[in-house]
Amino acid sequence: MYIVIDFNSDEAIYMQLRNQIIMGIATEQIKEGDTLPSVRQLAEEIGINMHTVNKAYSVLKQEGFIKLDRRKGAVICLELDKLVAMEELSDAMKVVVARAMCKNISRQEMHNILDIVIDGFSASVTERNQQYE
């Protein structure tokens, strides 16, 4: 998985890292049971502080995307219960939908955008699967 950090972004670096790892899982670049690089290794590769990587890994652990194993390090482990995940999705979407409504984006336009985003993930998975056939 290739990680790119935007050092000029207003978004915290640990959140950029967290989000890119989640995107990697969603697009199946990273799969259940895969091991992430060590904190030190990833910090060196990206050119960021080890504490920043550690914070991203801690957030991913809290959110149920990874488990930390003394021998293996950070391992992708999708333990989130579906109902909890759906509640979290609903909470996150409330703000996104409210912002869209404030900008006069219609329900249909929101649906279309959501379809495009989901299709983008599906296309990434399909393309990657075709590479290995």
N, C-alpha and C. Protein backbone atom coordinates (compact mmCIF):
# COMPACT_ATOMS: atom_id res chain seq x y z
N MET A 1 0.84 -1.17 0.00
CA MET A 1 0.00 0.00 0.00
C MET A 1 0.88 1.24 0.00
N TYR A 2 0.50 2.20 -0.80
CA TYR A 2 1.26 3.43 -0.94
C TYR A 2 0.55 4.52 -0.15
N ILE A 3 1.25 5.16 0.77
CA ILE A 3 0.67 6.19 1.62
C ILE A 3 1.28 7.53 1.28
N VAL A 4 0.41 8.53 1.08
CA VAL A 4 0.87 9.88 0.77
C VAL A 4 0.29 10.82 1.83
N ILE A 5 1.17 11.57 2.47
CA ILE A 5 0.75 12.52 3.48
C ILE A 5 0.84 13.93 2.90
N ASP A 6 -0.21 14.70 3.08
CA ASP A 6 -0.23 16.10 2.65
C ASP A 6 0.14 16.96 3.86
N PHE A 7 1.37 17.39 3.90
CA PHE A 7 1.86 18.16 5.04
C PHE A 7 1.26 19.57 5.08
N ASN A 8 0.61 20.00 4.01
CA ASN A 8 -0.03 21.31 3.97
C ASN A 8 -1.51 21.25 4.33
N SER A 9 -2.02 20.05 4.56
CA SER A 9 -3.44 19.87 4.86
C SER A 9 -3.75 20.34 6.29
N ASP A 10 -4.99 20.77 6.49
CA ASP A 10 -5.46 21.12 7.83
C ASP A 10 -5.76 19.86 8.65
N GLU A 11 -5.91 18.74 7.96
CA GLU A 11 -6.20 17.48 8.64
C GLU A 11 -4.94 16.96 9.31
N ALA A 12 -5.07 16.51 10.55
CA ALA A 12 -3.93 15.99 11.31
C ALA A 12 -3.28 14.83 10.56
N ILE A 13 -1.97 14.73 10.65
CA ILE A 13 -1.23 13.70 9.93
C ILE A 13 -1.67 12.31 10.38
N TYR A 14 -1.88 12.11 11.68
CA TYR A 14 -2.28 10.78 12.15
C TYR A 14 -3.65 10.39 11.57
N MET A 15 -4.53 11.39 11.35
CA MET A 15 -5.84 11.09 10.76
C MET A 15 -5.71 10.79 9.27
N GLN A 16 -4.81 11.48 8.58
CA GLN A 16 -4.56 11.16 7.17
C GLN A 16 -4.07 9.72 7.05
N LEU A 17 -3.15 9.34 7.93
CA LEU A 17 -2.62 7.98 7.91
C LEU A 17 -3.72 6.98 8.22
N ARG A 18 -4.50 7.24 9.25
CA ARG A 18 -5.62 6.36 9.62
C ARG A 18 -6.57 6.19 8.44
N ASN A 19 -6.94 7.32 7.82
CA ASN A 19 -7.89 7.27 6.71
C ASN A 19 -7.34 6.48 5.53
N GLN A 20 -6.07 6.63 5.23
CA GLN A 20 -5.49 5.91 4.10
C GLN A 20 -5.42 4.40 4.38
N ILE A 21 -5.18 4.04 5.63
CA ILE A 21 -5.18 2.61 5.98
C ILE A 21 -6.59 2.05 5.84
N ILE A 22 -7.58 2.80 6.30
CA ILE A 22 -8.98 2.35 6.16
C ILE A 22 -9.34 2.23 4.69
N MET A 23 -8.91 3.19 3.87
CA MET A 23 -9.16 3.12 2.43
C MET A 23 -8.48 1.88 1.83
N GLY A 24 -7.28 1.58 2.31
CA GLY A 24 -6.57 0.39 1.85
C GLY A 24 -7.33 -0.89 2.17
N ILE A 25 -7.95 -0.92 3.34
CA ILE A 25 -8.76 -2.09 3.73
C ILE A 25 -10.00 -2.16 2.85
N ALA A 26 -10.67 -1.02 2.65
CA ALA A 26 -11.91 -0.98 1.86
C ALA A 26 -11.66 -1.40 0.42
N THR A 27 -10.50 -1.07 -0.13
CA THR A 27 -10.20 -1.41 -1.53
C THR A 27 -9.43 -2.74 -1.64
N GLU A 28 -9.31 -3.41 -0.51
CA GLU A 28 -8.64 -4.72 -0.43
C GLU A 28 -7.17 -4.69 -0.79
N GLN A 29 -6.54 -3.53 -0.68
CA GLN A 29 -5.08 -3.48 -0.79
C GLN A 29 -4.47 -4.10 0.46
N ILE A 30 -5.20 -3.98 1.56
CA ILE A 30 -4.81 -4.59 2.83
C ILE A 30 -5.97 -5.49 3.23
N LYS A 31 -5.67 -6.70 3.66
CA LYS A 31 -6.73 -7.66 3.98
C LYS A 31 -6.62 -8.15 5.42
N GLU A 32 -7.71 -8.72 5.87
CA GLU A 32 -7.77 -9.33 7.20
C GLU A 32 -6.55 -10.23 7.40
N GLY A 33 -5.84 -10.04 8.51
CA GLY A 33 -4.67 -10.84 8.82
C GLY A 33 -3.35 -10.26 8.35
N ASP A 34 -3.40 -9.28 7.44
CA ASP A 34 -2.16 -8.63 6.97
C ASP A 34 -1.54 -7.84 8.12
N THR A 35 -0.23 -7.78 8.11
CA THR A 35 0.51 -7.03 9.11
C THR A 35 0.93 -5.69 8.53
N LEU A 36 0.69 -4.64 9.29
CA LEU A 36 1.14 -3.30 8.88
C LEU A 36 2.62 -3.16 9.23
N PRO A 37 3.31 -2.24 8.59
CA PRO A 37 4.72 -2.01 8.94
C PRO A 37 4.84 -1.59 10.41
N SER A 38 5.99 -1.83 10.99
CA SER A 38 6.22 -1.40 12.37
C SER A 38 6.12 0.12 12.43
N VAL A 39 5.88 0.63 13.62
CA VAL A 39 5.77 2.08 13.82
C VAL A 39 7.03 2.77 13.31
N ARG A 40 8.17 2.25 13.69
CA ARG A 40 9.45 2.85 13.29
C ARG A 40 9.62 2.81 11.77
N GLN A 41 9.33 1.65 11.17
CA GLN A 41 9.50 1.49 9.72
C GLN A 41 8.59 2.43 8.94
N LEU A 42 7.32 2.50 9.32
CA LEU A 42 6.37 3.35 8.60
C LEU A 42 6.73 4.83 8.78
N ALA A 43 7.14 5.20 9.98
CA ALA A 43 7.54 6.60 10.22
C ALA A 43 8.71 6.98 9.32
N GLU A 44 9.68 6.09 9.18
CA GLU A 44 10.83 6.37 8.33
C GLU A 44 10.43 6.44 6.86
N GLU A 45 9.58 5.51 6.42
CA GLU A 45 9.15 5.48 5.02
C GLU A 45 8.41 6.75 4.62
N ILE A 46 7.54 7.23 5.51
CA ILE A 46 6.71 8.40 5.19
C ILE A 46 7.44 9.70 5.53
N GLY A 47 8.34 9.63 6.49
CA GLY A 47 9.05 10.83 6.92
C GLY A 47 8.29 11.60 7.98
N ILE A 48 7.67 10.84 8.91
CA ILE A 48 6.93 11.47 10.01
C ILE A 48 7.43 10.91 11.33
N ASN A 49 6.98 11.51 12.41
CA ASN A 49 7.38 11.11 13.75
C ASN A 49 6.76 9.75 14.12
N MET A 50 7.51 8.95 14.86
CA MET A 50 7.00 7.63 15.30
C MET A 50 5.75 7.78 16.16
N HIS A 51 5.67 8.85 16.96
CA HIS A 51 4.51 9.05 17.83
C HIS A 51 3.24 9.28 17.01
N THR A 52 3.41 9.87 15.83
CA THR A 52 2.27 10.11 14.94
C THR A 52 1.72 8.78 14.41
N VAL A 53 2.61 7.90 13.99
CA VAL A 53 2.20 6.56 13.52
C VAL A 53 1.55 5.81 14.67
N ASN A 54 2.16 5.89 15.84
CA ASN A 54 1.63 5.20 17.01
C ASN A 54 0.22 5.68 17.32
N LYS A 55 -0.01 6.98 17.21
CA LYS A 55 -1.34 7.54 17.46
C LYS A 55 -2.35 7.02 16.44
N ALA A 56 -1.95 6.98 15.17
CA ALA A 56 -2.85 6.45 14.12
C ALA A 56 -3.19 4.99 14.40
N TYR A 57 -2.19 4.20 14.77
CA TYR A 57 -2.42 2.79 15.08
C TYR A 57 -3.34 2.65 16.30
N SER A 58 -3.16 3.51 17.29
CA SER A 58 -4.01 3.46 18.48
C SER A 58 -5.47 3.75 18.13
N VAL A 59 -5.68 4.73 17.27
CA VAL A 59 -7.05 5.07 16.84
C VAL A 59 -7.64 3.89 16.06
N LEU A 60 -6.86 3.31 15.16
CA LEU A 60 -7.33 2.16 14.39
C LEU A 60 -7.68 0.98 15.30
N LYS A 61 -6.91 0.80 16.35
CA LYS A 61 -7.19 -0.26 17.32
C LYS A 61 -8.50 0.02 18.05
N GLN A 62 -8.67 1.27 18.52
CA GLN A 62 -9.90 1.66 19.21
C GLN A 62 -11.13 1.46 18.33
N GLU A 63 -10.96 1.71 17.05
CA GLU A 63 -12.08 1.63 16.11
C GLU A 63 -12.31 0.21 15.60
N GLY A 64 -11.47 -0.74 16.00
CA GLY A 64 -11.68 -2.13 15.64
C GLY A 64 -11.15 -2.53 14.28
N PHE A 65 -10.18 -1.80 13.74
CA PHE A 65 -9.61 -2.15 12.44
C PHE A 65 -8.33 -2.99 12.56
N ILE A 66 -7.61 -2.82 13.66
CA ILE A 66 -6.38 -3.59 13.87
C ILE A 66 -6.33 -4.10 15.29
N LYS A 67 -5.49 -5.10 15.48
CA LYS A 67 -5.14 -5.52 16.84
C LYS A 67 -3.62 -5.43 16.94
N LEU A 68 -3.15 -5.16 18.12
CA LEU A 68 -1.71 -5.04 18.33
C LEU A 68 -1.22 -6.32 19.00
N ASP A 69 -0.30 -6.99 18.33
CA ASP A 69 0.25 -8.26 18.79
C ASP A 69 1.72 -8.05 19.10
N ARG A 70 2.17 -8.51 20.24
CA ARG A 70 3.58 -8.30 20.63
C ARG A 70 4.56 -8.88 19.63
N ARG A 71 4.21 -10.00 19.05
CA ARG A 71 5.13 -10.66 18.11
C ARG A 71 4.97 -10.17 16.68
N LYS A 72 3.72 -9.95 16.26
CA LYS A 72 3.46 -9.60 14.86
C LYS A 72 3.33 -8.10 14.62
N GLY A 73 3.07 -7.33 15.64
CA GLY A 73 2.86 -5.89 15.48
C GLY A 73 1.40 -5.59 15.23
N ALA A 74 1.13 -4.62 14.36
CA ALA A 74 -0.24 -4.21 14.04
C ALA A 74 -0.79 -5.11 12.93
N VAL A 75 -1.88 -5.81 13.24
CA VAL A 75 -2.47 -6.76 12.32
C VAL A 75 -3.90 -6.34 12.00
N ILE A 76 -4.27 -6.38 10.72
CA ILE A 76 -5.64 -6.04 10.33
C ILE A 76 -6.58 -7.07 10.92
N CYS A 77 -7.52 -6.58 11.70
CA CYS A 77 -8.47 -7.44 12.40
C CYS A 77 -9.78 -6.69 12.50
N LEU A 78 -10.72 -7.02 11.65
CA LEU A 78 -11.97 -6.26 11.56
C LEU A 78 -13.00 -6.81 12.53
N GLU A 79 -12.89 -6.38 13.77
CA GLU A 79 -13.74 -6.91 14.84
C GLU A 79 -15.03 -6.15 15.05
N LEU A 80 -15.19 -5.01 14.37
CA LEU A 80 -16.37 -4.20 14.64
C LEU A 80 -17.65 -4.97 14.36
N ASP A 81 -18.54 -4.94 15.31
CA ASP A 81 -19.87 -5.49 15.15
C ASP A 81 -20.62 -4.66 14.11
N LYS A 82 -21.36 -5.29 13.24
CA LYS A 82 -22.03 -4.57 12.16
C LYS A 82 -22.98 -3.50 12.68
N LEU A 83 -23.72 -3.77 13.75
CA LEU A 83 -24.65 -2.78 14.27
C LEU A 83 -23.91 -1.55 14.80
N VAL A 84 -22.78 -1.77 15.46
CA VAL A 84 -21.97 -0.66 15.95
C VAL A 84 -21.44 0.14 14.76
N ALA A 85 -20.98 -0.57 13.74
CA ALA A 85 -20.45 0.09 12.55
C ALA A 85 -21.54 0.91 11.87
N MET A 86 -22.76 0.39 11.83
CA MET A 86 -23.85 1.13 11.20
C MET A 86 -24.21 2.39 12.00
N GLU A 87 -24.16 2.30 13.33
CA GLU A 87 -24.41 3.48 14.16
C GLU A 87 -23.33 4.53 13.93
N GLU A 88 -22.08 4.10 13.87
CA GLU A 88 -20.98 5.03 13.63
C GLU A 88 -21.12 5.69 12.26
N LEU A 89 -21.50 4.90 11.26
CA LEU A 89 -21.70 5.44 9.92
C LEU A 89 -22.82 6.48 9.92
N SER A 90 -23.91 6.16 10.59
CA SER A 90 -25.04 7.09 10.67
C SER A 90 -24.61 8.40 11.34
N ASP A 91 -23.89 8.30 12.43
CA ASP A 91 -23.43 9.51 13.13
C ASP A 91 -22.53 10.35 12.24
N ALA A 92 -21.60 9.70 11.54
CA ALA A 92 -20.67 10.43 10.68
C ALA A 92 -21.40 11.07 9.50
N MET A 93 -22.39 10.37 8.98
CA MET A 93 -23.11 10.87 7.81
C MET A 93 -24.04 12.04 8.14
N LYS A 94 -24.49 12.12 9.39
CA LYS A 94 -25.39 13.21 9.76
C LYS A 94 -24.76 14.57 9.48
N VAL A 95 -23.51 14.71 9.85
CA VAL A 95 -22.83 15.98 9.63
C VAL A 95 -22.59 16.21 8.14
N VAL A 96 -22.18 15.17 7.43
CA VAL A 96 -21.93 15.30 5.99
C VAL A 96 -23.22 15.68 5.26
N VAL A 97 -24.32 15.03 5.60
CA VAL A 97 -25.61 15.33 4.96
C VAL A 97 -26.07 16.74 5.32
N ALA A 98 -25.91 17.13 6.58
CA ALA A 98 -26.30 18.47 6.99
C ALA A 98 -25.52 19.53 6.22
N ARG A 99 -24.22 19.31 6.05
CA ARG A 99 -23.40 20.25 5.29
C ARG A 99 -23.88 20.32 3.84
N ALA A 100 -24.19 19.16 3.27
CA ALA A 100 -24.66 19.13 1.89
C ALA A 100 -25.99 19.87 1.75
N MET A 101 -26.88 19.68 2.72
CA MET A 101 -28.18 20.35 2.67
C MET A 101 -28.01 21.87 2.76
N CYS A 102 -27.05 22.30 3.58
CA CYS A 102 -26.78 23.75 3.69
C CYS A 102 -26.30 24.33 2.36
N LYS A 103 -25.72 23.49 1.51
CA LYS A 103 -25.22 23.93 0.20
C LYS A 103 -26.22 23.62 -0.91
N ASN A 104 -27.46 23.29 -0.51
CA ASN A 104 -28.56 23.02 -1.45
C ASN A 104 -28.29 21.82 -2.36
N ILE A 105 -27.59 20.84 -1.87
CA ILE A 105 -27.40 19.60 -2.63
C ILE A 105 -28.61 18.72 -2.35
N SER A 106 -29.26 18.27 -3.40
CA SER A 106 -30.51 17.52 -3.26
C SER A 106 -30.26 16.09 -2.79
N ARG A 107 -31.32 15.46 -2.33
CA ARG A 107 -31.27 14.06 -1.91
C ARG A 107 -30.76 13.19 -3.07
N GLN A 108 -31.29 13.43 -4.28
CA GLN A 108 -30.88 12.63 -5.44
C GLN A 108 -29.40 12.85 -5.75
N GLU A 109 -28.94 14.08 -5.66
CA GLU A 109 -27.53 14.37 -5.91
C GLU A 109 -26.65 13.66 -4.87
N MET A 110 -27.10 13.64 -3.62
CA MET A 110 -26.35 12.92 -2.58
C MET A 110 -26.30 11.43 -2.88
N HIS A 111 -27.45 10.87 -3.29
CA HIS A 111 -27.49 9.45 -3.66
C HIS A 111 -26.52 9.17 -4.81
N ASN A 112 -26.52 10.04 -5.81
CA ASN A 112 -25.63 9.85 -6.96
C ASN A 112 -24.17 9.88 -6.53
N ILE A 113 -23.83 10.83 -5.67
CA ILE A 113 -22.45 10.93 -5.18
C ILE A 113 -22.08 9.67 -4.40
N LEU A 114 -22.98 9.21 -3.54
CA LEU A 114 -22.71 8.00 -2.77
C LEU A 114 -22.51 6.80 -3.69
N ASP A 115 -23.34 6.68 -4.72
CA ASP A 115 -23.18 5.60 -5.69
C ASP A 115 -21.81 5.65 -6.37
N ILE A 116 -21.39 6.86 -6.74
CA ILE A 116 -20.08 7.03 -7.39
C ILE A 116 -18.96 6.61 -6.45
N VAL A 117 -19.05 7.01 -5.19
CA VAL A 117 -18.02 6.65 -4.21
C VAL A 117 -17.97 5.14 -4.03
N ILE A 118 -19.12 4.52 -3.85
CA ILE A 118 -19.16 3.05 -3.67
C ILE A 118 -18.66 2.35 -4.91
N ASP A 119 -19.08 2.81 -6.08
CA ASP A 119 -18.60 2.21 -7.33
C ASP A 119 -17.09 2.34 -7.47
N GLY A 120 -16.54 3.44 -6.97
CA GLY A 120 -15.09 3.62 -7.01
C GLY A 120 -14.36 2.56 -6.22
N PHE A 121 -14.91 2.18 -5.06
CA PHE A 121 -14.31 1.11 -4.27
C PHE A 121 -14.45 -0.22 -5.00
N SER A 122 -15.63 -0.47 -5.55
CA SER A 122 -15.85 -1.72 -6.27
C SER A 122 -14.93 -1.84 -7.46
N ALA A 123 -14.73 -0.74 -8.18
CA ALA A 123 -13.85 -0.75 -9.35
C ALA A 123 -12.41 -1.04 -8.94
N SER A 124 -11.98 -0.46 -7.82
CA SER A 124 -10.61 -0.71 -7.33
C SER A 124 -10.40 -2.18 -7.03
N VAL A 125 -11.38 -2.79 -6.39
CA VAL A 125 -11.28 -4.21 -6.03
C VAL A 125 -11.28 -5.06 -7.29
N THR A 126 -12.18 -4.75 -8.25
CA THR A 126 -12.27 -5.51 -9.49
C THR A 126 -10.97 -5.41 -10.29
N GLU A 127 -10.43 -4.18 -10.40
CA GLU A 127 -9.18 -3.99 -11.15
C GLU A 127 -8.05 -4.80 -10.52
N ARG A 128 -7.96 -4.77 -9.21
CA ARG A 128 -6.89 -5.48 -8.53
C ARG A 128 -7.05 -7.00 -8.71
N ASN A 129 -8.28 -7.48 -8.64
CA ASN A 129 -8.52 -8.92 -8.83
C ASN A 129 -8.15 -9.35 -10.24
N GLN A 130 -8.40 -8.50 -11.24
CA GLN A 130 -8.07 -8.83 -12.62
C GLN A 130 -6.57 -8.87 -12.83
N GLN A 131 -5.83 -8.09 -12.08
CA GLN A 131 -4.36 -8.10 -12.21
C GLN A 131 -3.78 -9.45 -11.80
N TYR A 132 -4.45 -10.15 -10.88
CA TYR A 132 -3.92 -11.40 -10.36
C TYR A 132 -4.49 -12.63 -11.07
N GLU A 133 -5.34 -12.42 -12.08
CA GLU A 133 -5.91 -13.56 -12.82
C GLU A 133 -4.98 -14.00 -13.94
